[in-house]
C-alpha cells in the first residue's frame, strides 16, 4: 500500500477541519503500521477506537461548520458521514466480539474512503466556504480611503 500522507491539496481552508483531517490520516496510518507489524488484537482495538473517536469528533465539528455557514450540501455530506460511522462502528463491534479482525480490505476501505471524501465532499465544502467568504468580503473599491497623513 502506498503511504497515506496528508497533502496540501487536501486542505479545505478551515484550520480546525484541516487539523482534524490530518489527525484522521495519522490514525489510519497508525492502524496500517500496527497491522504490518502484526500487532496484537488489544493494540489494534485501541487504534481502531482512536480512529472512531477522532472521526466522530471531526464529523460533529465539520457539520457544525456547515450548519453555521448554511452550507446547501449538508444533507448529503452528513449522510456520507453517517454511513462511514456505521461502517467504523461495525469494524469496532466485530473486533470487540472477536468475530473478525481488522483486515487489509477493511483498512483499504478506510484509506480510500478518507482520501475520496476529503478530495470530493470536503473539497466542495472548502470551495463553497471560500466563495462565500469572497462574496461577503467588503469591496475594496467601496471602502473608505485610509488617512495616510496620520
N, C-alpha and C. Protein backbone atom coordinates (compact mmCIF):
# COMPACT_ATOMS: atom_id res chain seq x y z
N UNK A 1 0.84 -1.19 0.00
CA UNK A 1 0.00 0.00 0.00
C UNK A 1 0.88 1.25 0.00
N UNK A 2 0.46 2.22 -0.75
CA UNK A 2 1.19 3.48 -0.77
C UNK A 2 1.00 4.19 0.57
N UNK A 3 2.00 4.95 0.96
CA UNK A 3 1.96 5.66 2.23
C UNK A 3 0.87 6.73 2.20
N UNK A 4 0.01 6.71 3.17
CA UNK A 4 -1.08 7.66 3.27
C UNK A 4 -0.56 8.92 3.95
N UNK A 5 -0.27 9.93 3.18
CA UNK A 5 0.27 11.17 3.72
C UNK A 5 -0.67 12.33 3.41
N UNK A 6 -0.75 13.24 4.35
CA UNK A 6 -1.50 14.48 4.16
C UNK A 6 -0.79 15.29 3.09
N UNK A 7 -1.57 15.84 2.18
CA UNK A 7 -1.02 16.71 1.14
C UNK A 7 -1.76 18.03 1.18
N UNK A 8 -1.05 19.06 0.80
CA UNK A 8 -1.64 20.40 0.83
C UNK A 8 -2.92 20.47 -0.01
N UNK A 9 -2.98 19.67 -1.06
CA UNK A 9 -4.16 19.69 -1.93
C UNK A 9 -5.43 19.25 -1.20
N UNK A 10 -5.28 18.57 -0.06
CA UNK A 10 -6.44 18.12 0.71
C UNK A 10 -7.03 19.23 1.58
N UNK A 11 -6.31 20.30 1.78
CA UNK A 11 -6.75 21.37 2.68
C UNK A 11 -8.04 22.01 2.18
N UNK A 12 -8.99 22.21 3.10
CA UNK A 12 -10.24 22.88 2.75
C UNK A 12 -10.20 24.36 3.10
N UNK A 13 -9.20 24.77 3.86
CA UNK A 13 -9.06 26.18 4.19
C UNK A 13 -9.64 26.57 5.54
N UNK A 14 -10.14 25.61 6.29
CA UNK A 14 -10.60 25.86 7.66
C UNK A 14 -9.63 25.10 8.55
N UNK A 15 -8.86 25.84 9.33
CA UNK A 15 -7.76 25.23 10.09
C UNK A 15 -8.22 24.06 10.96
N UNK A 16 -9.34 24.21 11.65
CA UNK A 16 -9.79 23.13 12.53
C UNK A 16 -10.14 21.88 11.74
N UNK A 17 -10.78 22.03 10.61
CA UNK A 17 -11.12 20.88 9.76
C UNK A 17 -9.85 20.24 9.21
N UNK A 18 -8.94 21.06 8.71
CA UNK A 18 -7.69 20.53 8.16
C UNK A 18 -6.88 19.80 9.23
N UNK A 19 -6.84 20.35 10.44
CA UNK A 19 -6.12 19.69 11.54
C UNK A 19 -6.74 18.34 11.86
N UNK A 20 -8.06 18.30 11.90
CA UNK A 20 -8.74 17.03 12.20
C UNK A 20 -8.57 16.02 11.08
N UNK A 21 -8.56 16.49 9.84
CA UNK A 21 -8.29 15.57 8.73
C UNK A 21 -6.89 14.96 8.89
N UNK A 22 -5.92 15.78 9.26
CA UNK A 22 -4.57 15.26 9.45
C UNK A 22 -4.53 14.24 10.59
N UNK A 23 -5.31 14.48 11.63
CA UNK A 23 -5.40 13.53 12.74
C UNK A 23 -5.98 12.20 12.25
N UNK A 24 -6.99 12.26 11.40
CA UNK A 24 -7.59 11.04 10.87
C UNK A 24 -6.61 10.29 9.96
N UNK A 25 -5.86 11.02 9.14
CA UNK A 25 -4.83 10.40 8.30
C UNK A 25 -3.83 9.67 9.19
N UNK A 26 -3.41 10.33 10.27
CA UNK A 26 -2.43 9.73 11.19
C UNK A 26 -3.01 8.48 11.86
N UNK A 27 -4.29 8.50 12.20
CA UNK A 27 -4.91 7.35 12.85
C UNK A 27 -4.97 6.15 11.90
N UNK A 28 -5.28 6.40 10.64
CA UNK A 28 -5.30 5.31 9.66
C UNK A 28 -3.89 4.78 9.43
N UNK A 29 -2.91 5.70 9.37
CA UNK A 29 -1.51 5.25 9.21
C UNK A 29 -1.07 4.39 10.40
N UNK A 30 -1.48 4.77 11.60
CA UNK A 30 -1.13 4.00 12.80
C UNK A 30 -1.74 2.60 12.74
N UNK A 31 -2.97 2.51 12.28
CA UNK A 31 -3.60 1.20 12.11
C UNK A 31 -2.83 0.35 11.09
N UNK A 32 -2.48 0.98 10.00
CA UNK A 32 -1.74 0.28 8.95
C UNK A 32 -0.39 -0.21 9.47
N UNK A 33 0.32 0.64 10.19
CA UNK A 33 1.63 0.26 10.73
C UNK A 33 1.48 -0.90 11.71
N UNK A 34 0.46 -0.84 12.56
CA UNK A 34 0.23 -1.92 13.53
C UNK A 34 -0.10 -3.22 12.82
N UNK A 35 -0.90 -3.13 11.77
CA UNK A 35 -1.25 -4.33 11.02
C UNK A 35 0.00 -4.93 10.35
N UNK A 36 0.82 -4.07 9.80
CA UNK A 36 2.04 -4.53 9.11
C UNK A 36 3.01 -5.23 10.06
N UNK A 37 3.03 -4.80 11.32
CA UNK A 37 3.94 -5.43 12.27
C UNK A 37 3.25 -6.53 13.08
N UNK A 38 2.01 -6.84 12.64
CA UNK A 38 1.22 -7.91 13.26
C UNK A 38 0.99 -7.67 14.76
N UNK A 39 0.54 -6.45 15.06
CA UNK A 39 0.24 -6.08 16.45
C UNK A 39 -0.86 -6.98 17.00
N UNK A 40 -0.90 -7.09 18.30
CA UNK A 40 -1.92 -7.94 18.91
C UNK A 40 -3.30 -7.28 18.82
N UNK A 41 -4.31 -8.09 19.11
CA UNK A 41 -5.69 -7.64 18.98
C UNK A 41 -6.00 -6.46 19.88
N UNK A 42 -5.42 -6.43 21.07
CA UNK A 42 -5.69 -5.33 22.01
C UNK A 42 -5.21 -4.00 21.43
N UNK A 43 -4.00 -3.99 20.88
CA UNK A 43 -3.47 -2.75 20.29
C UNK A 43 -4.29 -2.33 19.09
N UNK A 44 -4.64 -3.29 18.24
CA UNK A 44 -5.45 -2.96 17.06
C UNK A 44 -6.80 -2.39 17.49
N UNK A 45 -7.38 -2.97 18.53
CA UNK A 45 -8.66 -2.47 19.02
C UNK A 45 -8.57 -1.05 19.52
N UNK A 46 -7.50 -0.74 20.26
CA UNK A 46 -7.32 0.62 20.76
C UNK A 46 -7.12 1.61 19.61
N UNK A 47 -6.35 1.22 18.62
CA UNK A 47 -6.12 2.10 17.47
C UNK A 47 -7.41 2.32 16.69
N UNK A 48 -8.19 1.28 16.56
CA UNK A 48 -9.48 1.41 15.87
C UNK A 48 -10.41 2.32 16.65
N UNK A 49 -10.42 2.21 17.97
CA UNK A 49 -11.24 3.10 18.80
C UNK A 49 -10.75 4.54 18.71
N UNK A 50 -9.44 4.73 18.61
CA UNK A 50 -8.89 6.08 18.44
C UNK A 50 -9.37 6.70 17.14
N UNK A 51 -9.33 5.91 16.06
CA UNK A 51 -9.84 6.40 14.77
C UNK A 51 -11.32 6.72 14.88
N UNK A 52 -12.08 5.84 15.50
CA UNK A 52 -13.52 6.06 15.63
C UNK A 52 -13.81 7.35 16.39
N UNK A 53 -13.11 7.57 17.50
CA UNK A 53 -13.33 8.78 18.30
C UNK A 53 -12.95 10.04 17.52
N UNK A 54 -11.83 9.99 16.82
CA UNK A 54 -11.40 11.15 16.01
C UNK A 54 -12.41 11.43 14.91
N UNK A 55 -12.96 10.38 14.33
CA UNK A 55 -13.92 10.53 13.24
C UNK A 55 -15.23 11.12 13.75
N UNK A 56 -15.73 10.63 14.86
CA UNK A 56 -16.97 11.16 15.45
C UNK A 56 -16.79 12.64 15.77
N UNK A 57 -15.69 12.97 16.43
CA UNK A 57 -15.42 14.38 16.80
C UNK A 57 -15.32 15.25 15.55
N UNK A 58 -14.59 14.78 14.56
CA UNK A 58 -14.40 15.57 13.34
C UNK A 58 -15.73 15.80 12.63
N UNK A 59 -16.52 14.74 12.47
CA UNK A 59 -17.78 14.89 11.76
C UNK A 59 -18.69 15.87 12.48
N UNK A 60 -18.74 15.81 13.79
CA UNK A 60 -19.56 16.75 14.55
C UNK A 60 -19.07 18.19 14.33
N UNK A 61 -17.76 18.39 14.38
CA UNK A 61 -17.20 19.73 14.18
C UNK A 61 -17.45 20.23 12.76
N UNK A 62 -17.23 19.35 11.78
CA UNK A 62 -17.41 19.74 10.38
C UNK A 62 -18.88 20.06 10.10
N UNK A 63 -19.77 19.26 10.63
CA UNK A 63 -21.19 19.52 10.42
C UNK A 63 -21.63 20.80 11.11
N UNK A 64 -21.02 21.14 12.24
CA UNK A 64 -21.32 22.41 12.90
C UNK A 64 -20.90 23.59 12.01
N UNK A 65 -19.74 23.46 11.37
CA UNK A 65 -19.28 24.50 10.44
C UNK A 65 -20.27 24.63 9.29
N UNK A 66 -20.72 23.49 8.77
CA UNK A 66 -21.67 23.52 7.65
C UNK A 66 -23.00 24.16 8.06
N UNK A 67 -23.50 23.82 9.26
CA UNK A 67 -24.76 24.41 9.73
C UNK A 67 -24.61 25.92 9.91
N UNK A 68 -23.52 26.31 10.55
CA UNK A 68 -23.30 27.74 10.79
C UNK A 68 -23.21 28.52 9.48
N UNK A 69 -22.57 27.93 8.48
CA UNK A 69 -22.40 28.60 7.19
C UNK A 69 -23.61 28.42 6.28
N UNK A 70 -24.59 27.62 6.74
CA UNK A 70 -25.77 27.31 5.93
C UNK A 70 -25.37 26.67 4.59
N UNK A 71 -24.46 25.71 4.69
CA UNK A 71 -23.97 25.00 3.51
C UNK A 71 -25.11 24.21 2.87
N UNK A 72 -25.41 24.45 1.60
CA UNK A 72 -26.54 23.78 0.97
C UNK A 72 -26.35 22.27 0.77
N UNK A 73 -25.13 21.79 0.80
CA UNK A 73 -24.86 20.37 0.60
C UNK A 73 -24.79 19.57 1.88
N UNK A 74 -25.22 20.15 2.99
CA UNK A 74 -25.06 19.49 4.29
C UNK A 74 -25.79 18.15 4.37
N UNK A 75 -26.94 18.02 3.77
CA UNK A 75 -27.72 16.79 3.87
C UNK A 75 -26.97 15.59 3.34
N UNK A 76 -26.50 15.68 2.12
CA UNK A 76 -25.76 14.57 1.51
C UNK A 76 -24.43 14.35 2.22
N UNK A 77 -23.76 15.44 2.56
CA UNK A 77 -22.46 15.35 3.23
C UNK A 77 -22.61 14.63 4.57
N UNK A 78 -23.60 15.04 5.35
CA UNK A 78 -23.82 14.42 6.66
C UNK A 78 -24.25 12.95 6.50
N UNK A 79 -25.00 12.64 5.46
CA UNK A 79 -25.40 11.25 5.21
C UNK A 79 -24.17 10.40 4.91
N UNK A 80 -23.22 10.95 4.16
CA UNK A 80 -21.96 10.23 3.89
C UNK A 80 -21.19 10.01 5.18
N UNK A 81 -21.19 11.00 6.05
CA UNK A 81 -20.55 10.85 7.36
C UNK A 81 -21.20 9.70 8.12
N UNK A 82 -22.52 9.69 8.15
CA UNK A 82 -23.25 8.68 8.91
C UNK A 82 -22.93 7.27 8.40
N UNK A 83 -22.85 7.11 7.10
CA UNK A 83 -22.54 5.79 6.54
C UNK A 83 -21.15 5.32 6.98
N UNK A 84 -20.18 6.23 7.01
CA UNK A 84 -18.85 5.82 7.46
C UNK A 84 -18.87 5.49 8.94
N UNK A 85 -19.56 6.28 9.74
CA UNK A 85 -19.63 5.99 11.18
C UNK A 85 -20.23 4.61 11.42
N UNK A 86 -21.25 4.26 10.67
CA UNK A 86 -21.86 2.94 10.81
C UNK A 86 -20.86 1.84 10.44
N UNK A 87 -20.08 2.07 9.41
CA UNK A 87 -19.08 1.09 8.98
C UNK A 87 -17.99 0.94 10.05
N UNK A 88 -17.51 2.06 10.58
CA UNK A 88 -16.48 2.01 11.63
C UNK A 88 -17.04 1.33 12.88
N UNK A 89 -18.27 1.67 13.25
CA UNK A 89 -18.90 1.01 14.40
C UNK A 89 -18.96 -0.50 14.19
N UNK A 90 -19.25 -0.93 12.98
CA UNK A 90 -19.30 -2.37 12.68
C UNK A 90 -17.91 -2.99 12.80
N UNK A 91 -16.87 -2.28 12.32
CA UNK A 91 -15.50 -2.78 12.46
C UNK A 91 -15.14 -2.94 13.94
N UNK A 92 -15.48 -1.93 14.74
CA UNK A 92 -15.17 -1.97 16.17
C UNK A 92 -15.94 -3.11 16.84
N UNK A 93 -17.23 -3.22 16.54
CA UNK A 93 -18.05 -4.27 17.16
C UNK A 93 -17.53 -5.66 16.82
N UNK A 94 -17.19 -5.88 15.56
CA UNK A 94 -16.67 -7.20 15.16
C UNK A 94 -15.34 -7.46 15.83
N UNK A 95 -14.53 -6.42 15.96
CA UNK A 95 -13.23 -6.59 16.61
C UNK A 95 -13.42 -6.95 18.09
N UNK A 96 -14.30 -6.22 18.76
CA UNK A 96 -14.54 -6.45 20.19
C UNK A 96 -15.10 -7.85 20.42
N UNK A 97 -15.95 -8.29 19.53
CA UNK A 97 -16.56 -9.61 19.67
C UNK A 97 -15.66 -10.73 19.15
N UNK A 98 -14.49 -10.36 18.66
CA UNK A 98 -13.54 -11.32 18.09
C UNK A 98 -14.11 -12.13 16.94
N UNK A 99 -15.11 -11.56 16.25
CA UNK A 99 -15.65 -12.29 15.11
C UNK A 99 -14.90 -11.95 13.83
N UNK A 100 -14.17 -10.86 13.84
CA UNK A 100 -13.38 -10.51 12.67
C UNK A 100 -12.32 -9.49 13.08
N UNK A 101 -11.10 -9.79 12.76
CA UNK A 101 -10.03 -8.84 12.99
C UNK A 101 -10.04 -7.81 11.86
N UNK A 102 -9.49 -6.66 12.14
CA UNK A 102 -9.35 -5.67 11.07
C UNK A 102 -8.42 -6.27 10.03
N UNK A 103 -8.86 -6.29 8.80
CA UNK A 103 -8.04 -6.90 7.75
C UNK A 103 -7.65 -5.88 6.70
N UNK A 104 -6.90 -6.33 5.72
CA UNK A 104 -6.41 -5.43 4.67
C UNK A 104 -7.56 -4.80 3.91
N UNK A 105 -8.63 -5.55 3.68
CA UNK A 105 -9.77 -5.00 2.96
C UNK A 105 -10.43 -3.87 3.74
N UNK A 106 -10.58 -4.06 5.04
CA UNK A 106 -11.17 -3.00 5.88
C UNK A 106 -10.26 -1.78 5.90
N UNK A 107 -8.96 -2.01 6.04
CA UNK A 107 -8.02 -0.90 6.06
C UNK A 107 -8.03 -0.15 4.73
N UNK A 108 -8.06 -0.88 3.62
CA UNK A 108 -8.13 -0.24 2.31
C UNK A 108 -9.41 0.59 2.18
N UNK A 109 -10.52 0.05 2.71
CA UNK A 109 -11.77 0.80 2.68
C UNK A 109 -11.61 2.12 3.43
N UNK A 110 -11.04 2.08 4.63
CA UNK A 110 -10.86 3.29 5.43
C UNK A 110 -9.96 4.29 4.73
N UNK A 111 -8.85 3.82 4.18
CA UNK A 111 -7.92 4.70 3.46
C UNK A 111 -8.61 5.35 2.27
N UNK A 112 -9.27 4.51 1.46
CA UNK A 112 -9.92 5.01 0.25
C UNK A 112 -11.03 5.98 0.59
N UNK A 113 -11.85 5.63 1.59
CA UNK A 113 -12.96 6.50 1.96
C UNK A 113 -12.43 7.86 2.40
N UNK A 114 -11.41 7.85 3.23
CA UNK A 114 -10.87 9.11 3.75
C UNK A 114 -10.37 10.00 2.62
N UNK A 115 -9.55 9.46 1.75
CA UNK A 115 -8.98 10.26 0.65
C UNK A 115 -10.08 10.73 -0.30
N UNK A 116 -10.96 9.82 -0.70
CA UNK A 116 -12.02 10.19 -1.65
C UNK A 116 -12.96 11.22 -1.04
N UNK A 117 -13.31 11.06 0.23
CA UNK A 117 -14.21 12.02 0.88
C UNK A 117 -13.56 13.40 0.98
N UNK A 118 -12.30 13.43 1.38
CA UNK A 118 -11.61 14.71 1.50
C UNK A 118 -11.44 15.36 0.13
N UNK A 119 -11.07 14.58 -0.87
CA UNK A 119 -10.85 15.13 -2.21
C UNK A 119 -12.14 15.57 -2.89
N UNK A 120 -13.27 15.00 -2.51
CA UNK A 120 -14.52 15.33 -3.19
C UNK A 120 -15.46 16.13 -2.30
N UNK A 121 -16.09 15.47 -1.33
CA UNK A 121 -17.09 16.15 -0.49
C UNK A 121 -16.49 17.34 0.25
N UNK A 122 -15.34 17.12 0.89
CA UNK A 122 -14.76 18.20 1.68
C UNK A 122 -14.17 19.29 0.78
N UNK A 123 -13.67 18.92 -0.39
CA UNK A 123 -13.16 19.94 -1.32
C UNK A 123 -14.31 20.84 -1.78
N UNK A 124 -15.49 20.25 -2.04
CA UNK A 124 -16.66 21.07 -2.43
C UNK A 124 -17.04 22.01 -1.30
N UNK A 125 -17.02 21.49 -0.07
CA UNK A 125 -17.31 22.35 1.09
C UNK A 125 -16.30 23.48 1.16
N UNK A 126 -15.02 23.18 1.02
CA UNK A 126 -13.98 24.20 1.09
C UNK A 126 -14.15 25.27 0.03
N UNK A 127 -14.45 24.85 -1.20
CA UNK A 127 -14.67 25.82 -2.29
C UNK A 127 -15.89 26.69 -2.00
N UNK A 128 -16.95 26.08 -1.50
CA UNK A 128 -18.15 26.84 -1.19
C UNK A 128 -17.87 27.86 -0.10
N UNK A 129 -17.13 27.46 0.93
CA UNK A 129 -16.79 28.38 2.02
C UNK A 129 -15.92 29.53 1.51
N UNK A 130 -14.97 29.21 0.63
CA UNK A 130 -14.11 30.26 0.06
C UNK A 130 -14.93 31.22 -0.79
N UNK A 131 -15.83 30.69 -1.62
CA UNK A 131 -16.68 31.55 -2.45
C UNK A 131 -17.56 32.44 -1.57
N UNK A 132 -18.10 31.86 -0.53
CA UNK A 132 -18.97 32.62 0.39
C UNK A 132 -18.17 33.73 1.07
N UNK A 133 -16.94 33.43 1.47
CA UNK A 133 -16.10 34.44 2.11
C UNK A 133 -15.80 35.58 1.14
N UNK A 134 -15.52 35.23 -0.11
CA UNK A 134 -15.26 36.28 -1.12
C UNK A 134 -16.49 37.15 -1.34
N UNK A 135 -17.67 36.52 -1.36
CA UNK A 135 -18.92 37.27 -1.57
C UNK A 135 -19.19 38.22 -0.41
N UNK A 136 -18.80 37.82 0.78
CA UNK A 136 -19.08 38.62 1.97
C UNK A 136 -18.00 39.64 2.27
N UNK A 137 -16.88 39.53 1.58
CA UNK A 137 -15.78 40.48 1.82
C UNK A 137 -16.19 41.85 1.29
N UNK A 138 -15.82 42.87 2.02
CA UNK A 138 -16.15 44.21 1.53
C UNK A 138 -15.40 44.51 0.23
N UNK A 139 -16.05 45.25 -0.63
CA UNK A 139 -15.44 45.64 -1.90
C UNK A 139 -14.39 46.71 -1.59
N UNK A 140 -13.10 46.43 -1.88
CA UNK A 140 -12.06 47.42 -1.55
C UNK A 140 -12.26 48.74 -2.28
N UNK A 141 -12.94 48.75 -3.40
CA UNK A 141 -13.19 49.99 -4.14
C UNK A 141 -14.20 50.87 -3.41
N UNK A 142 -15.05 50.24 -2.60
CA UNK A 142 -16.08 51.00 -1.89
C UNK A 142 -15.67 51.33 -0.46
N UNK A 143 -14.53 50.80 -0.03
CA UNK A 143 -14.07 51.04 1.34
C UNK A 143 -13.61 52.49 1.46
N UNK A 144 -13.80 53.08 2.64
CA UNK A 144 -13.32 54.46 2.82
C UNK A 144 -11.80 54.51 2.69
N UNK A 145 -11.34 55.60 2.12
CA UNK A 145 -9.89 55.78 1.93
C UNK A 145 -9.20 55.87 3.29
N UNK A 146 -8.00 55.30 3.37
CA UNK A 146 -7.23 55.37 4.60
C UNK A 146 -6.63 56.77 4.71
N UNK A 147 -6.58 57.27 5.90
CA UNK A 147 -5.94 58.55 6.16
C UNK A 147 -4.45 58.31 6.25
N UNK A 148 -3.74 58.68 5.22
CA UNK A 148 -2.31 58.41 5.16
C UNK A 148 -1.49 59.52 5.83
N UNK A 149 -2.14 60.59 6.32
CA UNK A 149 -1.40 61.68 6.94
C UNK A 149 -1.09 61.39 8.40
N UNK A 150 -1.75 60.40 8.96
CA UNK A 150 -1.55 60.11 10.39
C UNK A 150 -0.29 59.35 10.64
